[in-house]
Full PDB file with SEQRES, HELIX, SHEET, SSBOND, CRYST1, ORIGX, SCALE, CONECT and MASTER records, all heavy atoms in Angstrom:
SEQRES   1 A   36  GLN TRP LYS ALA ALA ARG TRP GLY ALA ALA LEU ALA LEU          
SEQRES   2 A   36  LEU ALA GLN VAL VAL GLY LEU ASN ALA TRP ALA TRP THR          
SEQRES   3 A   36  GLU ASN ARG ALA ILE ALA ALA LYS GLN VAL                      
HELIX    1 AA1 LYS A    3  GLN A   35  1                                  33    
CRYST1    1.000    1.000    1.000  90.00  90.00  90.00 P 1           1          
ORIGX1      1.000000  0.000000  0.000000        0.00000                         
ORIGX2      0.000000  1.000000  0.000000        0.00000                         
ORIGX3      0.000000  0.000000  1.000000        0.00000                         
SCALE1      1.000000  0.000000  0.000000        0.00000                         
SCALE2      0.000000  1.000000  0.000000        0.00000                         
SCALE3      0.000000  0.000000  1.000000        0.00000                         
ATOM      1  N   GLN A   1      26.297 -10.321   1.976  1.00  0.00           N  
ATOM      2  CA  GLN A   1      26.116 -10.234   0.531  1.00  0.00           C  
ATOM      3  C   GLN A   1      24.654 -10.085   0.133  1.00  0.00           C  
ATOM      4  O   GLN A   1      24.345  -9.727  -1.003  1.00  0.00           O  
ATOM      5  CB  GLN A   1      26.726 -11.458  -0.176  1.00  0.00           C  
ATOM      6  CG  GLN A   1      26.090 -12.781   0.211  1.00  0.00           C  
ATOM      7  CD  GLN A   1      26.838 -13.454   1.339  1.00  0.00           C  
ATOM      8  OE1 GLN A   1      27.425 -12.774   2.171  1.00  0.00           O  
ATOM      9  NE2 GLN A   1      26.834 -14.767   1.372  1.00  0.00           N  
ATOM     10  N   TRP A   2      23.737 -10.367   1.053  1.00  0.00           N  
ATOM     11  CA  TRP A   2      22.310 -10.225   0.772  1.00  0.00           C  
ATOM     12  C   TRP A   2      21.752  -8.922   1.325  1.00  0.00           C  
ATOM     13  O   TRP A   2      20.531  -8.741   1.354  1.00  0.00           O  
ATOM     14  CB  TRP A   2      21.528 -11.398   1.367  1.00  0.00           C  
ATOM     15  CG  TRP A   2      21.795 -12.699   0.695  1.00  0.00           C  
ATOM     16  CD1 TRP A   2      22.556 -13.726   1.147  1.00  0.00           C  
ATOM     17  CD2 TRP A   2      21.296 -13.117  -0.586  1.00  0.00           C  
ATOM     18  NE1 TRP A   2      22.572 -14.757   0.249  1.00  0.00           N  
ATOM     19  CE2 TRP A   2      21.807 -14.405  -0.827  1.00  0.00           C  
ATOM     20  CE3 TRP A   2      20.465 -12.527  -1.544  1.00  0.00           C  
ATOM     21  CZ2 TRP A   2      21.516 -15.105  -1.992  1.00  0.00           C  
ATOM     22  CZ3 TRP A   2      20.173 -13.234  -2.692  1.00  0.00           C  
ATOM     23  CH2 TRP A   2      20.701 -14.508  -2.901  1.00  0.00           C  
ATOM     24  N   LYS A   3      22.593  -8.017   1.768  1.00  0.00           N  
ATOM     25  CA  LYS A   3      22.108  -6.782   2.380  1.00  0.00           C  
ATOM     26  C   LYS A   3      21.290  -5.958   1.392  1.00  0.00           C  
ATOM     27  O   LYS A   3      20.207  -5.450   1.723  1.00  0.00           O  
ATOM     28  CB  LYS A   3      23.289  -5.968   2.904  1.00  0.00           C  
ATOM     29  CG  LYS A   3      22.874  -4.710   3.671  1.00  0.00           C  
ATOM     30  CD  LYS A   3      24.083  -3.999   4.255  1.00  0.00           C  
ATOM     31  CE  LYS A   3      23.657  -2.760   5.051  1.00  0.00           C  
ATOM     32  NZ  LYS A   3      24.837  -2.066   5.626  1.00  0.00           N  
ATOM     33  N   ALA A   4      21.801  -5.794   0.162  1.00  0.00           N  
ATOM     34  CA  ALA A   4      21.062  -5.009  -0.838  1.00  0.00           C  
ATOM     35  C   ALA A   4      19.719  -5.662  -1.162  1.00  0.00           C  
ATOM     36  O   ALA A   4      18.696  -4.977  -1.307  1.00  0.00           O  
ATOM     37  CB  ALA A   4      21.903  -4.863  -2.102  1.00  0.00           C  
ATOM     38  N   ALA A   5      19.717  -7.001  -1.263  1.00  0.00           N  
ATOM     39  CA  ALA A   5      18.449  -7.689  -1.545  1.00  0.00           C  
ATOM     40  C   ALA A   5      17.463  -7.523  -0.403  1.00  0.00           C  
ATOM     41  O   ALA A   5      16.254  -7.384  -0.624  1.00  0.00           O  
ATOM     42  CB  ALA A   5      18.718  -9.176  -1.805  1.00  0.00           C  
ATOM     43  N   ARG A   6      17.975  -7.550   0.845  1.00  0.00           N  
ATOM     44  CA  ARG A   6      17.077  -7.362   1.992  1.00  0.00           C  
ATOM     45  C   ARG A   6      16.465  -5.972   1.977  1.00  0.00           C  
ATOM     46  O   ARG A   6      15.264  -5.801   2.231  1.00  0.00           O  
ATOM     47  CB  ARG A   6      17.848  -7.596   3.300  1.00  0.00           C  
ATOM     48  CG  ARG A   6      18.212  -9.041   3.553  1.00  0.00           C  
ATOM     49  CD  ARG A   6      18.633  -9.256   4.999  1.00  0.00           C  
ATOM     50  NE  ARG A   6      19.829  -8.505   5.361  1.00  0.00           N  
ATOM     51  CZ  ARG A   6      21.067  -8.979   5.256  1.00  0.00           C  
ATOM     52  NH1 ARG A   6      21.261 -10.202   4.799  1.00  0.00           N  
ATOM     53  NH2 ARG A   6      22.102  -8.253   5.614  1.00  0.00           N  
ATOM     54  N   TRP A   7      17.281  -4.952   1.679  1.00  0.00           N  
ATOM     55  CA  TRP A   7      16.747  -3.588   1.592  1.00  0.00           C  
ATOM     56  C   TRP A   7      15.722  -3.478   0.473  1.00  0.00           C  
ATOM     57  O   TRP A   7      14.672  -2.825   0.623  1.00  0.00           O  
ATOM     58  CB  TRP A   7      17.889  -2.599   1.373  1.00  0.00           C  
ATOM     59  CG  TRP A   7      18.540  -2.162   2.647  1.00  0.00           C  
ATOM     60  CD1 TRP A   7      19.746  -2.548   3.135  1.00  0.00           C  
ATOM     61  CD2 TRP A   7      18.001  -1.245   3.609  1.00  0.00           C  
ATOM     62  NE1 TRP A   7      20.010  -1.943   4.327  1.00  0.00           N  
ATOM     63  CE2 TRP A   7      18.957  -1.122   4.649  1.00  0.00           C  
ATOM     64  CE3 TRP A   7      16.820  -0.517   3.697  1.00  0.00           C  
ATOM     65  CZ2 TRP A   7      18.757  -0.305   5.754  1.00  0.00           C  
ATOM     66  CZ3 TRP A   7      16.617   0.301   4.807  1.00  0.00           C  
ATOM     67  CH2 TRP A   7      17.569   0.410   5.814  1.00  0.00           C  
ATOM     68  N   GLY A   8      16.020  -4.096  -0.671  1.00  0.00           N  
ATOM     69  CA  GLY A   8      15.081  -4.044  -1.787  1.00  0.00           C  
ATOM     70  C   GLY A   8      13.755  -4.715  -1.447  1.00  0.00           C  
ATOM     71  O   GLY A   8      12.677  -4.195  -1.759  1.00  0.00           O  
ATOM     72  N   ALA A   9      13.838  -5.891  -0.771  1.00  0.00           N  
ATOM     73  CA  ALA A   9      12.606  -6.586  -0.388  1.00  0.00           C  
ATOM     74  C   ALA A   9      11.807  -5.772   0.625  1.00  0.00           C  
ATOM     75  O   ALA A   9      10.574  -5.706   0.561  1.00  0.00           O  
ATOM     76  CB  ALA A   9      12.945  -7.962   0.183  1.00  0.00           C  
ATOM     77  N   ALA A  10      12.518  -5.134   1.577  1.00  0.00           N  
ATOM     78  CA  ALA A  10      11.819  -4.327   2.577  1.00  0.00           C  
ATOM     79  C   ALA A  10      11.134  -3.123   1.936  1.00  0.00           C  
ATOM     80  O   ALA A  10       9.990  -2.784   2.273  1.00  0.00           O  
ATOM     81  CB  ALA A  10      12.812  -3.875   3.650  1.00  0.00           C  
ATOM     82  N   LEU A  11      11.841  -2.455   1.000  1.00  0.00           N  
ATOM     83  CA  LEU A  11      11.234  -1.299   0.328  1.00  0.00           C  
ATOM     84  C   LEU A  11      10.048  -1.726  -0.525  1.00  0.00           C  
ATOM     85  O   LEU A  11       9.023  -1.021  -0.581  1.00  0.00           O  
ATOM     86  CB  LEU A  11      12.289  -0.597  -0.531  1.00  0.00           C  
ATOM     87  CG  LEU A  11      13.401   0.130   0.237  1.00  0.00           C  
ATOM     88  CD1 LEU A  11      14.435   0.697  -0.717  1.00  0.00           C  
ATOM     89  CD2 LEU A  11      12.815   1.248   1.105  1.00  0.00           C  
ATOM     90  N   ALA A  12      10.173  -2.881  -1.203  1.00  0.00           N  
ATOM     91  CA  ALA A  12       9.050  -3.369  -2.020  1.00  0.00           C  
ATOM     92  C   ALA A  12       7.848  -3.700  -1.150  1.00  0.00           C  
ATOM     93  O   ALA A  12       6.698  -3.386  -1.495  1.00  0.00           O  
ATOM     94  CB  ALA A  12       9.483  -4.604  -2.821  1.00  0.00           C  
ATOM     95  N   LEU A  13       8.099  -4.315  -0.004  1.00  0.00           N  
ATOM     96  CA  LEU A  13       7.006  -4.631   0.915  1.00  0.00           C  
ATOM     97  C   LEU A  13       6.367  -3.360   1.459  1.00  0.00           C  
ATOM     98  O   LEU A  13       5.134  -3.259   1.556  1.00  0.00           O  
ATOM     99  CB  LEU A  13       7.531  -5.496   2.060  1.00  0.00           C  
ATOM    100  CG  LEU A  13       6.509  -5.912   3.120  1.00  0.00           C  
ATOM    101  CD1 LEU A  13       5.393  -6.737   2.490  1.00  0.00           C  
ATOM    102  CD2 LEU A  13       7.183  -6.699   4.245  1.00  0.00           C  
ATOM    103  N   LEU A  14       7.206  -2.371   1.804  1.00  0.00           N  
ATOM    104  CA  LEU A  14       6.672  -1.106   2.303  1.00  0.00           C  
ATOM    105  C   LEU A  14       5.822  -0.413   1.245  1.00  0.00           C  
ATOM    106  O   LEU A  14       4.727   0.102   1.543  1.00  0.00           O  
ATOM    107  CB  LEU A  14       7.833  -0.200   2.740  1.00  0.00           C  
ATOM    108  CG  LEU A  14       7.443   1.185   3.286  1.00  0.00           C  
ATOM    109  CD1 LEU A  14       6.579   1.043   4.540  1.00  0.00           C  
ATOM    110  CD2 LEU A  14       8.686   2.007   3.588  1.00  0.00           C  
ATOM    111  N   ALA A  15       6.315  -0.396   0.000  1.00  0.00           N  
ATOM    112  CA  ALA A  15       5.534   0.222  -1.076  1.00  0.00           C  
ATOM    113  C   ALA A  15       4.216  -0.517  -1.295  1.00  0.00           C  
ATOM    114  O   ALA A  15       3.176   0.104  -1.550  1.00  0.00           O  
ATOM    115  CB  ALA A  15       6.365   0.217  -2.366  1.00  0.00           C  
ATOM    116  N   GLN A  16       4.257  -1.843  -1.174  1.00  0.00           N  
ATOM    117  CA  GLN A  16       3.028  -2.626  -1.339  1.00  0.00           C  
ATOM    118  C   GLN A  16       2.017  -2.296  -0.247  1.00  0.00           C  
ATOM    119  O   GLN A  16       0.829  -2.106  -0.522  1.00  0.00           O  
ATOM    120  CB  GLN A  16       3.371  -4.120  -1.306  1.00  0.00           C  
ATOM    121  CG  GLN A  16       2.198  -5.038  -1.570  1.00  0.00           C  
ATOM    122  CD  GLN A  16       1.820  -5.112  -3.025  1.00  0.00           C  
ATOM    123  OE1 GLN A  16       2.445  -4.465  -3.852  1.00  0.00           O  
ATOM    124  NE2 GLN A  16       0.788  -5.866  -3.339  1.00  0.00           N  
ATOM    125  N   VAL A  17       2.492  -2.207   0.996  1.00  0.00           N  
ATOM    126  CA  VAL A  17       1.584  -1.908   2.105  1.00  0.00           C  
ATOM    127  C   VAL A  17       1.005  -0.506   1.961  1.00  0.00           C  
ATOM    128  O   VAL A  17      -0.201  -0.285   2.140  1.00  0.00           O  
ATOM    129  CB  VAL A  17       2.321  -2.071   3.449  1.00  0.00           C  
ATOM    130  CG1 VAL A  17       1.464  -1.559   4.603  1.00  0.00           C  
ATOM    131  CG2 VAL A  17       2.687  -3.524   3.682  1.00  0.00           C  
ATOM    132  N   VAL A  18       1.871   0.471   1.629  1.00  0.00           N  
ATOM    133  CA  VAL A  18       1.389   1.842   1.461  1.00  0.00           C  
ATOM    134  C   VAL A  18       0.393   1.920   0.306  1.00  0.00           C  
ATOM    135  O   VAL A  18      -0.659   2.574   0.400  1.00  0.00           O  
ATOM    136  CB  VAL A  18       2.579   2.793   1.226  1.00  0.00           C  
ATOM    137  CG1 VAL A  18       2.090   4.180   0.841  1.00  0.00           C  
ATOM    138  CG2 VAL A  18       3.439   2.875   2.477  1.00  0.00           C  
ATOM    139  N   GLY A  19       0.700   1.225  -0.805  1.00  0.00           N  
ATOM    140  CA  GLY A  19      -0.213   1.247  -1.945  1.00  0.00           C  
ATOM    141  C   GLY A  19      -1.564   0.628  -1.626  1.00  0.00           C  
ATOM    142  O   GLY A  19      -2.612   1.158  -1.998  1.00  0.00           O  
ATOM    143  N   LEU A  20      -1.553  -0.504  -0.915  1.00  0.00           N  
ATOM    144  CA  LEU A  20      -2.812  -1.150  -0.551  1.00  0.00           C  
ATOM    145  C   LEU A  20      -3.643  -0.283   0.387  1.00  0.00           C  
ATOM    146  O   LEU A  20      -4.870  -0.193   0.250  1.00  0.00           O  
ATOM    147  CB  LEU A  20      -2.525  -2.508   0.105  1.00  0.00           C  
ATOM    148  CG  LEU A  20      -2.056  -3.633  -0.822  1.00  0.00           C  
ATOM    149  CD1 LEU A  20      -1.701  -4.879  -0.027  1.00  0.00           C  
ATOM    150  CD2 LEU A  20      -3.140  -3.971  -1.849  1.00  0.00           C  
ATOM    151  N   ASN A  21      -2.971   0.371   1.330  1.00  0.00           N  
ATOM    152  CA  ASN A  21      -3.709   1.253   2.248  1.00  0.00           C  
ATOM    153  C   ASN A  21      -4.291   2.457   1.513  1.00  0.00           C  
ATOM    154  O   ASN A  21      -5.431   2.874   1.790  1.00  0.00           O  
ATOM    155  CB  ASN A  21      -2.788   1.712   3.385  1.00  0.00           C  
ATOM    156  CG  ASN A  21      -2.645   0.660   4.472  1.00  0.00           C  
ATOM    157  OD1 ASN A  21      -3.488   0.533   5.357  1.00  0.00           O  
ATOM    158  ND2 ASN A  21      -1.574  -0.100   4.422  1.00  0.00           N  
ATOM    159  N   ALA A  22      -3.513   3.015   0.570  1.00  0.00           N  
ATOM    160  CA  ALA A  22      -4.035   4.150  -0.201  1.00  0.00           C  
ATOM    161  C   ALA A  22      -5.230   3.735  -1.063  1.00  0.00           C  
ATOM    162  O   ALA A  22      -6.235   4.455  -1.157  1.00  0.00           O  
ATOM    163  CB  ALA A  22      -2.916   4.723  -1.086  1.00  0.00           C  
ATOM    164  N   TRP A  23      -5.128   2.548  -1.677  1.00  0.00           N  
ATOM    165  CA  TRP A  23      -6.243   2.054  -2.490  1.00  0.00           C  
ATOM    166  C   TRP A  23      -7.476   1.796  -1.633  1.00  0.00           C  
ATOM    167  O   TRP A  23      -8.602   2.148  -2.017  1.00  0.00           O  
ATOM    168  CB  TRP A  23      -5.817   0.779  -3.203  1.00  0.00           C  
ATOM    169  CG  TRP A  23      -6.930   0.098  -3.939  1.00  0.00           C  
ATOM    170  CD1 TRP A  23      -7.417   0.403  -5.171  1.00  0.00           C  
ATOM    171  CD2 TRP A  23      -7.704  -1.012  -3.469  1.00  0.00           C  
ATOM    172  NE1 TRP A  23      -8.439  -0.438  -5.509  1.00  0.00           N  
ATOM    173  CE2 TRP A  23      -8.652  -1.318  -4.481  1.00  0.00           C  
ATOM    174  CE3 TRP A  23      -7.701  -1.772  -2.301  1.00  0.00           C  
ATOM    175  CZ2 TRP A  23      -9.559  -2.348  -4.342  1.00  0.00           C  
ATOM    176  CZ3 TRP A  23      -8.606  -2.799  -2.173  1.00  0.00           C  
ATOM    177  CH2 TRP A  23      -9.530  -3.080  -3.185  1.00  0.00           C  
ATOM    178  N   ALA A  24      -7.273   1.179  -0.449  1.00  0.00           N  
ATOM    179  CA  ALA A  24      -8.408   0.906   0.438  1.00  0.00           C  
ATOM    180  C   ALA A  24      -9.055   2.204   0.915  1.00  0.00           C  
ATOM    181  O   ALA A  24     -10.293   2.305   1.006  1.00  0.00           O  
ATOM    182  CB  ALA A  24      -7.938   0.072   1.632  1.00  0.00           C  
ATOM    183  N   TRP A  25      -8.236   3.211   1.214  1.00  0.00           N  
ATOM    184  CA  TRP A  25      -8.783   4.500   1.664  1.00  0.00           C  
ATOM    185  C   TRP A  25      -9.610   5.148   0.556  1.00  0.00           C  
ATOM    186  O   TRP A  25     -10.702   5.681   0.793  1.00  0.00           O  
ATOM    187  CB  TRP A  25      -7.630   5.405   2.077  1.00  0.00           C  
ATOM    188  CG  TRP A  25      -8.065   6.761   2.552  1.00  0.00           C  
ATOM    189  CD1 TRP A  25      -8.594   7.091   3.758  1.00  0.00           C  
ATOM    190  CD2 TRP A  25      -8.007   7.982   1.803  1.00  0.00           C  
ATOM    191  NE1 TRP A  25      -8.874   8.422   3.827  1.00  0.00           N  
ATOM    192  CE2 TRP A  25      -8.525   9.014   2.626  1.00  0.00           C  
ATOM    193  CE3 TRP A  25      -7.571   8.323   0.525  1.00  0.00           C  
ATOM    194  CZ2 TRP A  25      -8.611  10.343   2.216  1.00  0.00           C  
ATOM    195  CZ3 TRP A  25      -7.660   9.640   0.115  1.00  0.00           C  
ATOM    196  CH2 TRP A  25      -8.169  10.627   0.951  1.00  0.00           C  
ATOM    197  N   THR A  26      -9.113   5.075  -0.707  1.00  0.00           N  
ATOM    198  CA  THR A  26      -9.848   5.640  -1.841  1.00  0.00           C  
ATOM    199  C   THR A  26     -11.164   4.910  -2.065  1.00  0.00           C  
ATOM    200  O   THR A  26     -12.217   5.535  -2.289  1.00  0.00           O  
ATOM    201  CB  THR A  26      -8.983   5.572  -3.107  1.00  0.00           C  
ATOM    202  OG1 THR A  26      -7.744   6.242  -2.875  1.00  0.00           O  
ATOM    203  CG2 THR A  26      -9.691   6.217  -4.282  1.00  0.00           C  
ATOM    204  N   GLU A  27     -11.133   3.573  -2.003  1.00  0.00           N  
ATOM    205  CA  GLU A  27     -12.355   2.811  -2.193  1.00  0.00           C  
ATOM    206  C   GLU A  27     -13.365   3.069  -1.088  1.00  0.00           C  
ATOM    207  O   GLU A  27     -14.571   3.180  -1.340  1.00  0.00           O  
ATOM    208  CB  GLU A  27     -12.017   1.309  -2.250  1.00  0.00           C  
ATOM    209  CG  GLU A  27     -11.279   0.887  -3.512  1.00  0.00           C  
ATOM    210  CD  GLU A  27     -12.116   1.102  -4.759  1.00  0.00           C  
ATOM    211  OE1 GLU A  27     -13.310   0.745  -4.743  1.00  0.00           O  
ATOM    212  OE2 GLU A  27     -11.583   1.652  -5.736  1.00  0.00           O  
ATOM    213  N   ASN A  28     -12.890   3.183   0.142  1.00  0.00           N  
ATOM    214  CA  ASN A  28     -13.808   3.464   1.251  1.00  0.00           C  
ATOM    215  C   ASN A  28     -14.472   4.826   1.083  1.00  0.00           C  
ATOM    216  O   ASN A  28     -15.667   4.985   1.373  1.00  0.00           O  
ATOM    217  CB  ASN A  28     -13.052   3.399   2.579  1.00  0.00           C  
ATOM    218  CG  ASN A  28     -12.727   1.976   2.996  1.00  0.00           C  
ATOM    219  OD1 ASN A  28     -13.419   1.042   2.605  1.00  0.00           O  
ATOM    220  ND2 ASN A  28     -11.688   1.805   3.792  1.00  0.00           N  
ATOM    221  N   ARG A  29     -13.720   5.799   0.622  1.00  0.00           N  
ATOM    222  CA  ARG A  29     -14.300   7.120   0.386  1.00  0.00           C  
ATOM    223  C   ARG A  29     -15.346   7.076  -0.723  1.00  0.00           C  
ATOM    224  O   ARG A  29     -16.404   7.718  -0.633  1.00  0.00           O  
ATOM    225  CB  ARG A  29     -13.197   8.118   0.024  1.00  0.00           C  
ATOM    226  CG  ARG A  29     -12.288   8.492   1.192  1.00  0.00           C  
ATOM    227  CD  ARG A  29     -11.575   9.788   0.935  1.00  0.00           C  
ATOM    228  NE  ARG A  29     -12.501  10.900   0.774  1.00  0.00           N  
ATOM    229  CZ  ARG A  29     -12.125  12.153   0.486  1.00  0.00           C  
ATOM    230  NH1 ARG A  29     -10.847  12.416   0.308  1.00  0.00           N  
ATOM    231  NH2 ARG A  29     -13.015  13.106   0.366  1.00  0.00           N  
ATOM    232  N   ALA A  30     -15.059   6.299  -1.794  1.00  0.00           N  
ATOM    233  CA  ALA A  30     -16.029   6.194  -2.890  1.00  0.00           C  
ATOM    234  C   ALA A  30     -17.315   5.513  -2.424  1.00  0.00           C  
ATOM    235  O   ALA A  30     -18.428   5.941  -2.768  1.00  0.00           O  
ATOM    236  CB  ALA A  30     -15.401   5.427  -4.049  1.00  0.00           C  
ATOM    237  N   ILE A  31     -17.177   4.445  -1.631  1.00  0.00           N  
ATOM    238  CA  ILE A  31     -18.358   3.750  -1.116  1.00  0.00           C  
ATOM    239  C   ILE A  31     -19.157   4.653  -0.189  1.00  0.00           C  
ATOM    240  O   ILE A  31     -20.399   4.696  -0.245  1.00  0.00           O  
ATOM    241  CB  ILE A  31     -17.927   2.459  -0.398  1.00  0.00           C  
ATOM    242  CG1 ILE A  31     -17.346   1.464  -1.404  1.00  0.00           C  
ATOM    243  CG2 ILE A  31     -19.099   1.823   0.342  1.00  0.00           C  
ATOM    244  CD1 ILE A  31     -16.731   0.236  -0.771  1.00  0.00           C  
ATOM    245  N   ALA A  32     -18.443   5.380   0.674  1.00  0.00           N  
ATOM    246  CA  ALA A  32     -19.140   6.287   1.587  1.00  0.00           C  
ATOM    247  C   ALA A  32     -19.881   7.377   0.817  1.00  0.00           C  
ATOM    248  O   ALA A  32     -21.011   7.755   1.174  1.00  0.00           O  
ATOM    249  CB  ALA A  32     -18.138   6.907   2.559  1.00  0.00           C  
ATOM    250  N   ALA A  33     -19.275   7.887  -0.271  1.00  0.00           N  
ATOM    251  CA  ALA A  33     -19.941   8.925  -1.074  1.00  0.00           C  
ATOM    252  C   ALA A  33     -21.201   8.377  -1.735  1.00  0.00           C  
ATOM    253  O   ALA A  33     -22.240   9.053  -1.795  1.00  0.00           O  
ATOM    254  CB  ALA A  33     -18.971   9.450  -2.123  1.00  0.00           C  
ATOM    255  N   LYS A  34     -21.143   7.118  -2.243  1.00  0.00           N  
ATOM    256  CA  LYS A  34     -22.324   6.510  -2.851  1.00  0.00           C  
ATOM    257  C   LYS A  34     -23.423   6.290  -1.816  1.00  0.00           C  
ATOM    258  O   LYS A  34     -24.614   6.493  -2.097  1.00  0.00           O  
ATOM    259  CB  LYS A  34     -21.945   5.182  -3.504  1.00  0.00           C  
ATOM    260  CG  LYS A  34     -21.084   5.333  -4.752  1.00  0.00           C  
ATOM    261  CD  LYS A  34     -20.758   3.986  -5.360  1.00  0.00           C  
ATOM    262  CE  LYS A  34     -19.894   4.154  -6.616  1.00  0.00           C  
ATOM    263  NZ  LYS A  34     -19.560   2.838  -7.214  1.00  0.00           N  
ATOM    264  N   GLN A  35     -23.044   5.882  -0.612  1.00  0.00           N  
ATOM    265  CA  GLN A  35     -24.041   5.683   0.436  1.00  0.00           C  
ATOM    266  C   GLN A  35     -24.719   7.004   0.802  1.00  0.00           C  
ATOM    267  O   GLN A  35     -25.939   7.053   0.993  1.00  0.00           O  
ATOM    268  CB  GLN A  35     -23.382   5.049   1.669  1.00  0.00           C  
ATOM    269  CG  GLN A  35     -22.951   3.608   1.463  1.00  0.00           C  
ATOM    270  CD  GLN A  35     -22.207   3.051   2.656  1.00  0.00           C  
ATOM    271  OE1 GLN A  35     -21.750   3.812   3.528  1.00  0.00           O  
ATOM    272  NE2 GLN A  35     -22.076   1.731   2.700  1.00  0.00           N  
ATOM    273  N   VAL A  36     -23.943   8.063   0.884  1.00  0.00           N  
ATOM    274  CA  VAL A  36     -24.522   9.379   1.180  1.00  0.00           C  
ATOM    275  C   VAL A  36     -25.467   9.809   0.060  1.00  0.00           C  
ATOM    276  O   VAL A  36     -26.553  10.360   0.305  1.00  0.00           O  
ATOM    277  CB  VAL A  36     -23.393  10.405   1.393  1.00  0.00           C  
ATOM    278  CG1 VAL A  36     -23.960  11.822   1.459  1.00  0.00           C  
ATOM    279  CG2 VAL A  36     -22.625  10.086   2.666  1.00  0.00           C  
TER     280      VAL A  36                                                      
MASTER        0    0    0    1    0    0    0    6  279    1    0    3          
END                                                                             
C-alpha cells in the first residue's frame, strides 16, 4: 500500500539531487568566470 508513496519519495529525492547538482555546476561556472 506504500508503493506509490515510495515511488514519489524516490522521484522527489532524485529531482532534489539533480537540482542541487545543476545549481552547483552553474555556481562553479560563475565563480570560474569571475576568477578568469
